[in-house]
Amino acid sequence: MPTELSPTARALRTLEILQSRPAGVTADELAASLGVTERAARRYVGILREAGIPVHSARGPYGGYRLGRGARLPPVVFTEPEALGLVMAVLDGQPAAADPDADDLVGAALGKVIRALPESVGRQAAALREHASAAPDRNASRPDPALTSTLVAASAVRRRVLVTYRSESGNEWEAEVDPWAVVVRYGRWYLLCHSHRADAIRTYRIDRVRAVRETAHGFEMPAGLDPVAALEENLGKGWEFPTRVAFEAPMAEVLPSIRPPMGRLEPSGDGCVLVGSTRNPTMYAQEWLAQLPFAFRVEGGQELRAAVEALAKRFTAAVTDET
């Protein structure tokens, strides 16, 4: 091998040799192929490891090096609809990924996928990415991927964790929780868990979790848990402002129009009543109650009554003829 090759070139040649020898190569074989000493060969293996390439080693007279899992990707063939559907899903969930020059993790990963596609399919995927425009979701949140992965891993092995959490008001505290599930809902990532601090079910916004640390304690998952349903139900509980809304229509007719975070619908005489709580009475009135196709009466919650009254005045003013 020419002696003028740079360390980078020799490291790449080392990777090439390892890729061609999936069963492994001994240190002296690697050194001979590179035309260097065994000590130098080990140095090039170290360069690959520093770059994040998994190179495993075995000691002994028959020891050597081989690539670990993930160092070699099998061929991945997408049809054009699959490739375009993947790009559309990424842009829908992460609008910033549309800009290949933006400092965005998902965008960088999308670029790598597009460059690895066959030319005809990749050209269509790249064109879609370049010419499609995505409006950011103001309500979406992007939690830290590594922190989210830690929570998912703890949930998978049923391991209790300590989370450091910062509330919307800026208060920071620590809680020991059983991480039942990670749930994505309308662009926001939530941790559904049992809090030992409160001895109750809690839902935490993962973008507000500052740190996660596994403990030595395990936990049992509740039997028959439906994470999405449990999250929806829990989101309607424990907020600052109580709500109580009565309907004259039968419960069976009203129920399909009620979103779980609005509260719990109960029968009441010939009608039904919706009991819950909210942290945002204005949103509750404008985005939820105003869209219901039933007559209703706000029976409880001074803040919600005020929000509905303000909304009613706005609508009345919109159709009142000025004199």
C-alpha atoms as a PDB file:
ATOM      1  CA  MET A   1       0.000   0.000   0.000  1.00  0.00           C
ATOM      2  CA  PRO A   2       1.366   3.467  -0.848  1.00  0.00           C
ATOM      3  CA  THR A   3       2.925   5.120   2.152  1.00  0.00           C
ATOM      4  CA  GLU A   4       1.527   8.539   1.269  1.00  0.00           C
ATOM      5  CA  LEU A   5      -2.028   7.602   2.282  1.00  0.00           C
ATOM      6  CA  SER A   6      -3.414   9.810   5.053  1.00  0.00           C
ATOM      7  CA  PRO A   7      -4.723   8.421   8.377  1.00  0.00           C
ATOM      8  CA  THR A   8      -8.257   9.180   7.155  1.00  0.00           C
ATOM      9  CA  ALA A   9      -7.738   7.199   3.966  1.00  0.00           C
ATOM     10  CA  ARG A  10      -6.299   4.260   5.914  1.00  0.00           C
ATOM     11  CA  ALA A  11      -9.231   4.378   8.347  1.00  0.00           C
ATOM     12  CA  LEU A  12     -11.640   4.199   5.399  1.00  0.00           C
ATOM     13  CA  ARG A  13      -9.624   1.323   3.972  1.00  0.00           C
ATOM     14  CA  THR A  14      -9.890  -0.378   7.372  1.00  0.00           C
ATOM     15  CA  LEU A  15     -13.666  -0.032   7.203  1.00  0.00           C
ATOM     16  CA  GLU A  16     -13.675  -1.485   3.699  1.00  0.00           C
ATOM     17  CA  ILE A  17     -11.655  -4.509   4.854  1.00  0.00           C
ATOM     18  CA  LEU A  18     -13.957  -5.106   7.797  1.00  0.00           C
ATOM     19  CA  GLN A  19     -17.022  -4.857   5.558  1.00  0.00           C
ATOM     20  CA  SER A  20     -15.575  -7.466   3.211  1.00  0.00           C
ATOM     21  CA  ARG A  21     -14.804  -9.843   6.097  1.00  0.00           C
ATOM     22  CA  PRO A  22     -18.086 -10.169   8.076  1.00  0.00           C
ATOM     23  CA  ALA A  23     -16.673 -13.133  10.040  1.00  0.00           C
ATOM     24  CA  GLY A  24     -13.832 -10.948  11.280  1.00  0.00           C
ATOM     25  CA  VAL A  25     -10.178 -10.272  10.577  1.00  0.00           C
ATOM     26  CA  THR A  26      -7.195 -10.789  12.878  1.00  0.00           C
ATOM     27  CA  ALA A  27      -5.008  -7.883  13.884  1.00  0.00           C
ATOM     28  CA  ASP A  28      -2.027  -9.153  11.901  1.00  0.00           C
ATOM     29  CA  GLU A  29      -4.197  -9.760   8.811  1.00  0.00           C
ATOM     30  CA  LEU A  30      -5.574  -6.235   9.072  1.00  0.00           C
ATOM     31  CA  ALA A  31      -2.072  -4.802   9.497  1.00  0.00           C
ATOM     32  CA  ALA A  32      -0.807  -6.764   6.479  1.00  0.00           C
ATOM     33  CA  SER A  33      -3.688  -5.579   4.307  1.00  0.00           C
ATOM     34  CA  LEU A  34      -3.038  -1.984   5.329  1.00  0.00           C
ATOM     35  CA  GLY A  35       0.732  -2.304   5.036  1.00  0.00           C
ATOM     36  CA  VAL A  36       1.291  -1.014   8.568  1.00  0.00           C
ATOM     37  CA  THR A  37       2.202  -2.363  11.979  1.00  0.00           C
ATOM     38  CA  GLU A  38      -0.377  -3.980  14.245  1.00  0.00           C
ATOM     39  CA  ARG A  39      -0.145  -0.955  16.543  1.00  0.00           C
ATOM     40  CA  ALA A  40      -1.010   1.355  13.656  1.00  0.00           C
ATOM     41  CA  ALA A  41      -3.880  -0.941  12.603  1.00  0.00           C
ATOM     42  CA  ARG A  42      -5.315  -0.699  16.107  1.00  0.00           C
ATOM     43  CA  ARG A  43      -5.079   3.090  15.832  1.00  0.00           C
ATOM     44  CA  TYR A  44      -7.206   3.080  12.669  1.00  0.00           C
ATOM     45  CA  VAL A  45      -9.747   0.848  14.377  1.00  0.00           C
ATOM     46  CA  GLY A  46      -9.843   3.438  17.176  1.00  0.00           C
ATOM     47  CA  ILE A  47     -10.559   6.186  14.616  1.00  0.00           C
ATOM     48  CA  LEU A  48     -13.554   4.217  13.340  1.00  0.00           C
ATOM     49  CA  ARG A  49     -14.856   3.754  16.867  1.00  0.00           C
ATOM     50  CA  GLU A  50     -14.504   7.479  17.580  1.00  0.00           C
ATOM     51  CA  ALA A  51     -16.656   8.089  14.472  1.00  0.00           C
ATOM     52  CA  GLY A  52     -19.409   5.943  16.003  1.00  0.00           C
ATOM     53  CA  ILE A  53     -18.812   2.816  13.894  1.00  0.00           C
ATOM     54  CA  PRO A  54     -19.270  -0.312  16.030  1.00  0.00           C
ATOM     55  CA  VAL A  55     -16.095  -2.388  15.729  1.00  0.00           C
ATOM     56  CA  HIS A  56     -15.986  -5.361  18.100  1.00  0.00           C
ATOM     57  CA  SER A  57     -12.762  -7.031  19.157  1.00  0.00           C
ATOM     58  CA  ALA A  58     -11.890 -10.437  20.604  1.00  0.00           C
ATOM     59  CA  ARG A  59      -8.706 -11.198  22.535  1.00  0.00           C
ATOM     60  CA  GLY A  60      -6.487 -14.240  22.186  1.00  0.00           C
ATOM     61  CA  PRO A  61      -4.429 -15.868  19.442  1.00  0.00           C
ATOM     62  CA  TYR A  62      -7.493 -16.161  17.218  1.00  0.00           C
ATOM     63  CA  GLY A  63      -8.910 -12.805  18.144  1.00  0.00           C
ATOM     64  CA  GLY A  64      -9.439  -9.877  15.853  1.00  0.00           C
ATOM     65  CA  TYR A  65     -11.992  -7.334  14.707  1.00  0.00           C
ATOM     66  CA  ARG A  66     -15.415  -7.425  13.123  1.00  0.00           C
ATOM     67  CA  LEU A  67     -18.162  -4.912  12.468  1.00  0.00           C
ATOM     68  CA  GLY A  68     -21.046  -4.837  14.873  1.00  0.00           C
ATOM     69  CA  ARG A  69     -24.723  -4.579  14.122  1.00  0.00           C
ATOM     70  CA  GLY A  70     -25.739  -1.366  12.372  1.00  0.00           C
ATOM     71  CA  ALA A  71     -22.452  -0.775  10.585  1.00  0.00           C
ATOM     72  CA  ARG A  72     -23.773  -2.240   7.350  1.00  0.00           C
ATOM     73  CA  LEU A  73     -27.303  -1.429   6.169  1.00  0.00           C
ATOM     74  CA  PRO A  74     -29.083  -4.013   4.025  1.00  0.00           C
ATOM     75  CA  PRO A  75     -30.532  -2.760   0.718  1.00  0.00           C
ATOM     76  CA  VAL A  76     -33.744  -0.831   1.352  1.00  0.00           C
ATOM     77  CA  VAL A  77     -35.954  -0.467  -1.707  1.00  0.00           C
ATOM     78  CA  PHE A  78     -38.883   1.957  -1.642  1.00  0.00           C
ATOM     79  CA  THR A  79     -41.556   2.200  -4.298  1.00  0.00           C
ATOM     80  CA  GLU A  80     -42.268   5.743  -5.445  1.00  0.00           C
ATOM     81  CA  PRO A  81     -45.562   5.950  -3.458  1.00  0.00           C
ATOM     82  CA  GLU A  82     -43.755   4.671  -0.335  1.00  0.00           C
ATOM     83  CA  ALA A  83     -40.936   7.203  -0.691  1.00  0.00           C
ATOM     84  CA  LEU A  84     -43.310  10.119  -1.335  1.00  0.00           C
ATOM     85  CA  GLY A  85     -45.557   9.021   1.531  1.00  0.00           C
ATOM     86  CA  LEU A  86     -42.537   8.975   3.848  1.00  0.00           C
ATOM     87  CA  VAL A  87     -41.507  12.507   2.841  1.00  0.00           C
ATOM     88  CA  MET A  88     -45.097  13.750   3.256  1.00  0.00           C
ATOM     89  CA  ALA A  89     -45.347  12.218   6.733  1.00  0.00           C
ATOM     90  CA  VAL A  90     -42.060  13.818   7.794  1.00  0.00           C
ATOM     91  CA  LEU A  91     -43.042  17.262   6.493  1.00  0.00           C
ATOM     92  CA  ASP A  92     -46.465  16.971   8.115  1.00  0.00           C
ATOM     93  CA  GLY A  93     -44.966  16.155  11.508  1.00  0.00           C
ATOM     94  CA  GLN A  94     -41.804  18.289  11.252  1.00  0.00           C
ATOM     95  CA  PRO A  95     -42.226  21.294   8.914  1.00  0.00           C
ATOM     96  CA  ALA A  96     -38.629  22.427   9.540  1.00  0.00           C
ATOM     97  CA  ALA A  97     -37.439  19.282   7.722  1.00  0.00           C
ATOM     98  CA  ALA A  98     -38.494  20.879   4.425  1.00  0.00           C
ATOM     99  CA  ASP A  99     -35.353  23.043   4.459  1.00  0.00           C
ATOM    100  CA  PRO A 100     -32.290  20.887   3.727  1.00  0.00           C
ATOM    101  CA  ASP A 101     -30.007  23.670   4.992  1.00  0.00           C
ATOM    102  CA  ALA A 102     -31.761  24.060   8.337  1.00  0.00           C
ATOM    103  CA  ASP A 103     -30.145  22.763  11.509  1.00  0.00           C
ATOM    104  CA  ASP A 104     -32.791  20.097  12.065  1.00  0.00           C
ATOM    105  CA  LEU A 105     -32.151  16.492  13.143  1.00  0.00           C
ATOM    106  CA  VAL A 106     -35.160  15.063  11.315  1.00  0.00           C
ATOM    107  CA  GLY A 107     -34.330  17.069   8.202  1.00  0.00           C
ATOM    108  CA  ALA A 108     -30.776  15.733   8.214  1.00  0.00           C
ATOM    109  CA  ALA A 109     -32.055  12.162   8.523  1.00  0.00           C
ATOM    110  CA  LEU A 110     -34.567  12.727   5.722  1.00  0.00           C
ATOM    111  CA  GLY A 111     -31.773  14.002   3.491  1.00  0.00           C
ATOM    112  CA  LYS A 112     -29.756  10.833   4.083  1.00  0.00           C
ATOM    113  CA  VAL A 113     -32.744   8.660   3.186  1.00  0.00           C
ATOM    114  CA  ILE A 114     -33.409  10.618  -0.012  1.00  0.00           C
ATOM    115  CA  ARG A 115     -29.760  10.404  -1.087  1.00  0.00           C
ATOM    116  CA  ALA A 116     -29.801   6.639  -0.558  1.00  0.00           C
ATOM    117  CA  LEU A 117     -32.859   6.109  -2.777  1.00  0.00           C
ATOM    118  CA  PRO A 118     -32.539   4.919  -6.380  1.00  0.00           C
ATOM    119  CA  GLU A 119     -32.170   7.890  -8.726  1.00  0.00           C
ATOM    120  CA  SER A 120     -35.677   7.873 -10.205  1.00  0.00           C
ATOM    121  CA  VAL A 121     -37.434   7.546  -6.857  1.00  0.00           C
ATOM    122  CA  GLY A 122     -34.995   9.843  -5.072  1.00  0.00           C
ATOM    123  CA  ARG A 123     -35.485  12.557  -7.668  1.00  0.00           C
ATOM    124  CA  GLN A 124     -39.264  12.596  -7.034  1.00  0.00           C
ATOM    125  CA  ALA A 125     -38.786  12.562  -3.254  1.00  0.00           C
ATOM    126  CA  ALA A 126     -36.255  15.407  -3.411  1.00  0.00           C
ATOM    127  CA  ALA A 127     -38.583  17.454  -5.631  1.00  0.00           C
ATOM    128  CA  LEU A 128     -41.461  16.973  -3.199  1.00  0.00           C
ATOM    129  CA  ARG A 129     -39.279  18.096  -0.319  1.00  0.00           C
ATOM    130  CA  GLU A 130     -38.001  21.122  -2.224  1.00  0.00           C
ATOM    131  CA  HIS A 131     -41.286  22.429  -3.571  1.00  0.00           C
ATOM    132  CA  ALA A 132     -43.784  21.502  -0.845  1.00  0.00           C
ATOM    133  CA  SER A 133     -44.396  24.101   1.851  1.00  0.00           C
ATOM    134  CA  ALA A 134     -45.310  23.152   5.398  1.00  0.00           C
ATOM    135  CA  ALA A 135     -46.879  25.531   7.914  1.00  0.00           C
ATOM    136  CA  PRO A 136     -45.612  24.959  11.461  1.00  0.00           C
ATOM    137  CA  ASP A 137     -48.120  23.696  14.007  1.00  0.00           C
ATOM    138  CA  ARG A 138     -48.179  26.293  16.777  1.00  0.00           C
ATOM    139  CA  ASN A 139     -49.486  23.710  19.224  1.00  0.00           C
ATOM    140  CA  ALA A 140     -46.866  21.076  18.458  1.00  0.00           C
ATOM    141  CA  SER A 141     -43.901  20.448  20.718  1.00  0.00           C
ATOM    142  CA  ARG A 142     -40.593  18.746  19.973  1.00  0.00           C
ATOM    143  CA  PRO A 143     -39.111  16.963  22.989  1.00  0.00           C
ATOM    144  CA  ASP A 144     -35.475  15.970  23.148  1.00  0.00           C
ATOM    145  CA  PRO A 145     -35.071  12.680  21.173  1.00  0.00           C
ATOM    146  CA  ALA A 146     -32.517  11.176  23.579  1.00  0.00           C
ATOM    147  CA  LEU A 147     -34.641  11.968  26.629  1.00  0.00           C
ATOM    148  CA  THR A 148     -37.745  10.571  24.906  1.00  0.00           C
ATOM    149  CA  SER A 149     -35.837   7.409  24.026  1.00  0.00           C
ATOM    150  CA  THR A 150     -34.833   6.996  27.676  1.00  0.00           C
ATOM    151  CA  LEU A 151     -38.475   7.153  28.753  1.00  0.00           C
ATOM    152  CA  VAL A 152     -39.528   4.659  26.070  1.00  0.00           C
ATOM    153  CA  ALA A 153     -36.734   2.275  27.093  1.00  0.00           C
ATOM    154  CA  ALA A 154     -37.712   2.511  30.767  1.00  0.00           C
ATOM    155  CA  SER A 155     -41.331   1.803  29.851  1.00  0.00           C
ATOM    156  CA  ALA A 156     -40.304  -1.212  27.764  1.00  0.00           C
ATOM    157  CA  VAL A 157     -38.351  -2.835  30.607  1.00  0.00           C
ATOM    158  CA  ARG A 158     -40.840  -1.708  33.306  1.00  0.00           C
ATOM    159  CA  ARG A 159     -38.313   0.398  35.198  1.00  0.00           C
ATOM    160  CA  ARG A 160     -39.334   3.238  37.529  1.00  0.00           C
ATOM    161  CA  VAL A 161     -37.680   6.604  36.809  1.00  0.00           C
ATOM    162  CA  LEU A 162     -37.012   9.934  38.471  1.00  0.00           C
ATOM    163  CA  VAL A 163     -38.087  12.828  36.266  1.00  0.00           C
ATOM    164  CA  THR A 164     -37.175  16.462  36.701  1.00  0.00           C
ATOM    165  CA  TYR A 165     -40.104  18.500  35.406  1.00  0.00           C
ATOM    166  CA  ARG A 166     -40.641  22.184  34.717  1.00  0.00           C
ATOM    167  CA  SER A 167     -44.244  23.339  34.745  1.00  0.00           C
ATOM    168  CA  GLU A 168     -45.735  25.935  32.416  1.00  0.00           C
ATOM    169  CA  SER A 169     -45.295  28.543  35.145  1.00  0.00           C
ATOM    170  CA  GLY A 170     -41.566  27.753  35.396  1.00  0.00           C
ATOM    171  CA  ASN A 171     -41.589  25.823  38.669  1.00  0.00           C
ATOM    172  CA  GLU A 172     -39.215  22.850  38.655  1.00  0.00           C
ATOM    173  CA  TRP A 173     -39.556  19.712  40.735  1.00  0.00           C
ATOM    174  CA  GLU A 174     -38.674  16.019  40.792  1.00  0.00           C
ATOM    175  CA  ALA A 175     -41.056  13.063  40.887  1.00  0.00           C
ATOM    176  CA  GLU A 176     -40.638   9.291  40.995  1.00  0.00           C
ATOM    177  CA  VAL A 177     -42.958   7.724  38.422  1.00  0.00           C
ATOM    178  CA  ASP A 178     -43.825   4.450  36.725  1.00  0.00           C
ATOM    179  CA  PRO A 179     -43.583   5.298  32.989  1.00  0.00           C
ATOM    180  CA  TRP A 180     -46.545   3.405  31.560  1.00  0.00           C
ATOM    181  CA  ALA A 181     -46.421   4.754  28.015  1.00  0.00           C
ATOM    182  CA  VAL A 182     -45.331   7.563  25.712  1.00  0.00           C
ATOM    183  CA  VAL A 183     -48.294   8.917  23.739  1.00  0.00           C
ATOM    184  CA  VAL A 184     -48.286  11.381  20.848  1.00  0.00           C
ATOM    185  CA  ARG A 185     -51.452  13.482  20.704  1.00  0.00           C
ATOM    186  CA  TYR A 186     -52.070  16.328  18.236  1.00  0.00           C
ATOM    187  CA  GLY A 187     -48.367  17.111  17.814  1.00  0.00           C
ATOM    188  CA  ARG A 188     -47.522  16.896  21.515  1.00  0.00           C
ATOM    189  CA  TRP A 189     -45.648  14.110  23.276  1.00  0.00           C
ATOM    190  CA  TYR A 190     -46.903  12.986  26.676  1.00  0.00           C
ATOM    191  CA  LEU A 191     -45.695  10.595  29.349  1.00  0.00           C
ATOM    192  CA  LEU A 192     -48.582   8.648  30.853  1.00  0.00           C
ATOM    193  CA  CYS A 193     -47.441   7.447  34.258  1.00  0.00           C
ATOM    194  CA  HIS A 194     -48.247   6.734  37.864  1.00  0.00           C
ATOM    195  CA  SER A 195     -46.736   9.349  40.131  1.00  0.00           C
ATOM    196  CA  HIS A 196     -45.621   8.054  43.514  1.00  0.00           C
ATOM    197  CA  ARG A 197     -45.395  11.637  44.720  1.00  0.00           C
ATOM    198  CA  ALA A 198     -49.121  12.199  44.115  1.00  0.00           C
ATOM    199  CA  ASP A 199     -50.165   8.513  44.275  1.00  0.00           C
ATOM    200  CA  ALA A 200     -52.209   9.110  41.130  1.00  0.00           C
ATOM    201  CA  ILE A 201     -52.149   8.903  37.347  1.00  0.00           C
ATOM    202  CA  ARG A 202     -50.342  11.841  35.767  1.00  0.00           C
ATOM    203  CA  THR A 203     -49.683  13.053  32.230  1.00  0.00           C
ATOM    204  CA  TYR A 204     -46.484  15.035  31.698  1.00  0.00           C
ATOM    205  CA  ARG A 205     -45.534  16.989  28.594  1.00  0.00           C
ATOM    206  CA  ILE A 206     -42.223  15.419  27.583  1.00  0.00           C
ATOM    207  CA  ASP A 207     -40.915  18.705  26.172  1.00  0.00           C
ATOM    208  CA  ARG A 208     -41.085  20.015  29.760  1.00  0.00           C
ATOM    209  CA  VAL A 209     -39.137  17.091  31.233  1.00  0.00           C
ATOM    210  CA  ARG A 210     -35.629  18.353  31.966  1.00  0.00           C
ATOM    211  CA  ALA A 211     -33.950  15.089  33.032  1.00  0.00           C
ATOM    212  CA  VAL A 212     -34.669  11.377  33.456  1.00  0.00           C
ATOM    213  CA  ARG A 213     -32.858   8.880  35.650  1.00  0.00           C
ATOM    214  CA  GLU A 214     -33.668   5.185  35.963  1.00  0.00           C
ATOM    215  CA  THR A 215     -34.007   3.678  39.422  1.00  0.00           C
ATOM    216  CA  ALA A 216     -33.486   0.114  40.608  1.00  0.00           C
ATOM    217  CA  HIS A 217     -37.233  -0.392  41.119  1.00  0.00           C
ATOM    218  CA  GLY A 218     -39.498  -2.173  38.661  1.00  0.00           C
ATOM    219  CA  PHE A 219     -43.249  -1.791  38.238  1.00  0.00           C
ATOM    220  CA  GLU A 220     -46.255  -3.691  36.926  1.00  0.00           C
ATOM    221  CA  MET A 221     -48.275  -2.302  34.028  1.00  0.00           C
ATOM    222  CA  PRO A 222     -52.027  -2.026  34.740  1.00  0.00           C
ATOM    223  CA  ALA A 223     -53.886  -4.925  33.131  1.00  0.00           C
ATOM    224  CA  GLY A 224     -55.664  -4.017  29.908  1.00  0.00           C
ATOM    225  CA  LEU A 225     -54.234  -0.503  29.795  1.00  0.00           C
ATOM    226  CA  ASP A 226     -55.182   1.490  26.681  1.00  0.00           C
ATOM    227  CA  PRO A 227     -52.577   4.302  26.758  1.00  0.00           C
ATOM    228  CA  VAL A 228     -54.423   6.625  24.358  1.00  0.00           C
ATOM    229  CA  ALA A 229     -57.787   6.244  26.105  1.00  0.00           C
ATOM    230  CA  ALA A 230     -56.177   6.640  29.540  1.00  0.00           C
ATOM    231  CA  LEU A 231     -54.356   9.777  28.422  1.00  0.00           C
ATOM    232  CA  GLU A 232     -57.499  11.310  26.944  1.00  0.00           C
ATOM    233  CA  GLU A 233     -59.449  10.635  30.110  1.00  0.00           C
ATOM    234  CA  ASN A 234     -56.714  11.976  32.377  1.00  0.00           C
ATOM    235  CA  LEU A 235     -56.288  15.193  30.380  1.00  0.00           C
ATOM    236  CA  GLY A 236     -59.800  16.208  31.466  1.00  0.00           C
ATOM    237  CA  LYS A 237     -59.003  15.957  35.174  1.00  0.00           C
ATOM    238  CA  GLY A 238     -57.195  18.008  37.756  1.00  0.00           C
ATOM    239  CA  TRP A 239     -57.090  21.389  36.029  1.00  0.00           C
ATOM    240  CA  GLU A 240     -57.494  24.685  37.807  1.00  0.00           C
ATOM    241  CA  PHE A 241     -61.005  25.690  36.709  1.00  0.00           C
ATOM    242  CA  PRO A 242     -63.980  23.326  37.266  1.00  0.00           C
ATOM    243  CA  THR A 243     -66.594  22.914  34.537  1.00  0.00           C
ATOM    244  CA  ARG A 244     -70.181  21.613  34.534  1.00  0.00           C
ATOM    245  CA  VAL A 245     -72.284  21.748  31.377  1.00  0.00           C
ATOM    246  CA  ALA A 246     -75.851  20.394  31.120  1.00  0.00           C
ATOM    247  CA  PHE A 247     -77.578  19.103  27.969  1.00  0.00           C
ATOM    248  CA  GLU A 248     -81.268  18.346  27.494  1.00  0.00           C
ATOM    249  CA  ALA A 249     -80.459  15.806  24.779  1.00  0.00           C
ATOM    250  CA  PRO A 250     -80.043  12.132  25.741  1.00  0.00           C
ATOM    251  CA  MET A 251     -76.592  11.003  26.713  1.00  0.00           C
ATOM    252  CA  ALA A 252     -76.393   8.534  23.793  1.00  0.00           C
ATOM    253  CA  GLU A 253     -76.800  11.416  21.336  1.00  0.00           C
ATOM    254  CA  VAL A 254     -74.348  13.790  23.009  1.00  0.00           C
ATOM    255  CA  LEU A 255     -71.566  11.313  23.804  1.00  0.00           C
ATOM    256  CA  PRO A 256     -70.152  10.951  20.232  1.00  0.00           C
ATOM    257  CA  SER A 257     -69.494  14.722  20.152  1.00  0.00           C
ATOM    258  CA  ILE A 258     -67.627  14.871  23.479  1.00  0.00           C
ATOM    259  CA  ARG A 259     -63.847  14.688  23.444  1.00  0.00           C
ATOM    260  CA  PRO A 260     -62.447  12.936  26.547  1.00  0.00           C
ATOM    261  CA  PRO A 261     -60.394  15.963  27.738  1.00  0.00           C
ATOM    262  CA  MET A 262     -63.658  17.909  28.065  1.00  0.00           C
ATOM    263  CA  GLY A 263     -64.629  15.812  31.073  1.00  0.00           C
ATOM    264  CA  ARG A 264     -66.915  12.944  32.037  1.00  0.00           C
ATOM    265  CA  LEU A 265     -70.444  12.751  30.600  1.00  0.00           C
ATOM    266  CA  GLU A 266     -73.067  11.476  33.049  1.00  0.00           C
ATOM    267  CA  PRO A 267     -76.844  10.894  32.722  1.00  0.00           C
ATOM    268  CA  SER A 268     -79.041  13.494  34.403  1.00  0.00           C
ATOM    269  CA  GLY A 269     -82.818  13.119  34.216  1.00  0.00           C
ATOM    270  CA  ASP A 270     -83.869  13.057  30.572  1.00  0.00           C
ATOM    271  CA  GLY A 271     -80.561  14.617  29.532  1.00  0.00           C
ATOM    272  CA  CYS A 272     -76.950  14.492  30.661  1.00  0.00           C
ATOM    273  CA  VAL A 273     -74.244  16.602  32.284  1.00  0.00           C
ATOM    274  CA  LEU A 274     -70.575  17.045  31.418  1.00  0.00           C
ATOM    275  CA  VAL A 275     -68.323  17.352  34.480  1.00  0.00           C
ATOM    276  CA  GLY A 276     -64.654  18.211  34.161  1.00  0.00           C
ATOM    277  CA  SER A 277     -62.035  20.918  34.487  1.00  0.00           C
ATOM    278  CA  THR A 278     -59.843  23.105  32.299  1.00  0.00           C
ATOM    279  CA  ARG A 279     -56.809  25.330  32.534  1.00  0.00           C
ATOM    280  CA  ASN A 280     -58.136  27.543  29.702  1.00  0.00           C
ATOM    281  CA  PRO A 281     -61.845  28.473  29.960  1.00  0.00           C
ATOM    282  CA  THR A 282     -61.667  30.653  26.840  1.00  0.00           C
ATOM    283  CA  MET A 283     -60.382  27.770  24.736  1.00  0.00           C
ATOM    284  CA  TYR A 284     -62.965  25.429  26.295  1.00  0.00           C
ATOM    285  CA  ALA A 285     -65.768  27.788  25.263  1.00  0.00           C
ATOM    286  CA  GLN A 286     -64.497  28.746  21.800  1.00  0.00           C
ATOM    287  CA  GLU A 287     -62.987  25.507  20.527  1.00  0.00           C
ATOM    288  CA  TRP A 288     -65.082  22.880  22.273  1.00  0.00           C
ATOM    289  CA  LEU A 289     -68.502  24.085  23.428  1.00  0.00           C
ATOM    290  CA  ALA A 290     -69.115  26.351  20.439  1.00  0.00           C
ATOM    291  CA  GLN A 291     -68.709  23.388  18.073  1.00  0.00           C
ATOM    292  CA  LEU A 292     -71.270  21.134  19.769  1.00  0.00           C
ATOM    293  CA  PRO A 293     -74.501  20.651  17.781  1.00  0.00           C
ATOM    294  CA  PHE A 294     -76.630  20.661  20.956  1.00  0.00           C
ATOM    295  CA  ALA A 295     -78.159  23.307  23.161  1.00  0.00           C
ATOM    296  CA  PHE A 296     -76.357  23.478  26.495  1.00  0.00           C
ATOM    297  CA  ARG A 297     -76.307  25.397  29.763  1.00  0.00           C
ATOM    298  CA  VAL A 298     -73.206  26.108  31.839  1.00  0.00           C
ATOM    299  CA  GLU A 299     -74.207  25.175  35.378  1.00  0.00           C
ATOM    300  CA  GLY A 300     -70.834  25.316  37.075  1.00  0.00           C
ATOM    301  CA  GLY A 301     -67.528  27.049  36.764  1.00  0.00           C
ATOM    302  CA  GLN A 302     -67.577  30.837  37.141  1.00  0.00           C
ATOM    303  CA  GLU A 303     -64.624  31.247  34.769  1.00  0.00           C
ATOM    304  CA  LEU A 304     -66.251  29.093  32.078  1.00  0.00           C
ATOM    305  CA  ARG A 305     -69.539  31.001  32.427  1.00  0.00           C
ATOM    306  CA  ALA A 306     -67.658  34.272  31.905  1.00  0.00           C
ATOM    307  CA  ALA A 307     -65.865  32.870  28.836  1.00  0.00           C
ATOM    308  CA  VAL A 308     -69.153  31.666  27.283  1.00  0.00           C
ATOM    309  CA  GLU A 309     -70.793  35.023  28.025  1.00  0.00           C
ATOM    310  CA  ALA A 310     -67.924  36.898  26.339  1.00  0.00           C
ATOM    311  CA  LEU A 311     -68.149  34.594  23.306  1.00  0.00           C
ATOM    312  CA  ALA A 312     -71.922  35.089  23.078  1.00  0.00           C
ATOM    313  CA  LYS A 313     -71.495  38.878  23.123  1.00  0.00           C
ATOM    314  CA  ARG A 314     -68.960  38.685  20.315  1.00  0.00           C
ATOM    315  CA  PHE A 315     -71.281  36.603  18.148  1.00  0.00           C
ATOM    316  CA  THR A 316     -74.266  38.832  18.936  1.00  0.00           C
ATOM    317  CA  ALA A 317     -72.309  41.927  17.986  1.00  0.00           C
ATOM    318  CA  ALA A 318     -71.314  40.285  14.712  1.00  0.00           C
ATOM    319  CA  VAL A 319     -74.960  40.100  13.536  1.00  0.00           C
ATOM    320  CA  THR A 320     -76.316  43.261  15.152  1.00  0.00           C
ATOM    321  CA  ASP A 321     -77.181  46.041  12.712  1.00  0.00           C
ATOM    322  CA  GLU A 322     -75.553  49.332  13.651  1.00  0.00           C
ATOM    323  CA  THR A 323     -77.936  52.280  13.964  1.00  0.00           C
END
